[in-house]
């Protein structure tokens, strides 16, 4: 019987959610239910938490202002 090969796990990229500006640290939006350290994922029309599935819908006025004029 052959051994099953182990898959390499992808490491977390939480470091990408922090930005250093001068002497301050800017954090991405965190989940209000889960607390600090759990960030909301950015989607086209919403922000969601992967842990508790908390969702914040983006308003349509913000979406229209981000679109490029034709």
Protein backbone atom coordinates (compact mmCIF):
# COMPACT_ATOMS: atom_id res chain seq x y z
CA UNK A 1 0.00 0.00 0.00
CA UNK A 2 1.51 3.36 -1.09
CA UNK A 3 1.65 6.32 1.28
CA UNK A 4 -0.51 9.31 0.49
CA UNK A 5 1.47 12.43 -0.44
CA UNK A 6 1.00 15.46 1.81
CA UNK A 7 -0.16 18.71 0.23
CA UNK A 8 1.70 21.89 1.09
CA UNK A 9 -0.55 24.28 3.02
CA UNK A 10 -0.76 27.88 1.86
CA UNK A 11 0.35 30.24 4.67
CA UNK A 12 -1.91 33.05 5.85
CA UNK A 13 -1.45 36.49 4.28
CA UNK A 14 -2.67 38.51 7.25
CA UNK A 15 0.44 40.68 6.99
CA UNK A 16 -1.06 42.18 3.80
CA UNK A 17 -3.97 43.61 5.82
CA UNK A 18 -1.68 45.96 7.78
CA UNK A 19 -0.01 49.11 6.43
CA UNK A 20 2.59 51.22 8.24
CA UNK A 21 2.23 54.96 7.67
CA UNK A 22 4.83 56.94 9.59
CA UNK A 23 4.56 55.92 13.23
CA UNK A 24 1.01 54.55 12.96
CA UNK A 25 -0.33 51.19 11.83
CA UNK A 26 -3.40 51.14 9.60
CA UNK A 27 -5.52 47.98 9.71
CA UNK A 28 -8.10 46.74 7.23
CA UNK A 29 -11.74 46.54 8.33
CA UNK A 30 -12.21 43.91 11.03
CA UNK A 31 -15.34 41.91 11.89
CA UNK A 32 -17.41 43.60 14.63
CA UNK A 33 -18.69 40.21 15.89
CA UNK A 34 -15.40 38.26 15.90
CA UNK A 35 -13.19 41.12 17.07
CA UNK A 36 -9.69 42.26 16.11
CA UNK A 37 -7.59 39.89 14.02
CA UNK A 38 -10.49 38.64 11.86
CA UNK A 39 -10.74 40.74 8.72
CA UNK A 40 -13.60 41.25 6.29
CA UNK A 41 -13.04 40.00 2.74
CA UNK A 42 -13.54 42.55 -0.05
CA UNK A 43 -15.98 41.51 -2.77
CA UNK A 44 -17.48 43.49 -5.64
CA UNK A 45 -20.70 44.40 -3.85
CA UNK A 46 -20.12 43.36 -0.21
CA UNK A 47 -17.67 42.72 2.61
CA UNK A 48 -17.91 39.37 4.41
CA UNK A 49 -16.38 37.57 7.39
CA UNK A 50 -15.21 34.03 6.64
CA UNK A 51 -15.60 32.90 10.25
CA UNK A 52 -19.11 34.00 11.27
CA UNK A 53 -20.45 34.98 7.79
CA UNK A 54 -21.20 38.57 8.85
CA UNK A 55 -21.96 40.59 5.67
CA UNK A 56 -21.96 44.31 4.93
CA UNK A 57 -23.47 45.30 1.58
CA UNK A 58 -21.84 48.22 -0.23
CA UNK A 59 -24.21 50.98 -1.28
CA UNK A 60 -25.00 51.45 -4.95
CA UNK A 61 -23.88 55.10 -4.87
CA UNK A 62 -20.35 54.03 -3.89
CA UNK A 63 -20.27 51.47 -6.70
CA UNK A 64 -21.31 54.05 -9.28
CA UNK A 65 -18.72 56.56 -8.09
CA UNK A 66 -15.93 53.96 -8.44
CA UNK A 67 -16.91 53.06 -12.02
CA UNK A 68 -14.92 54.68 -14.79
CA UNK A 69 -16.78 57.14 -17.00
CA UNK A 70 -17.31 56.05 -20.58
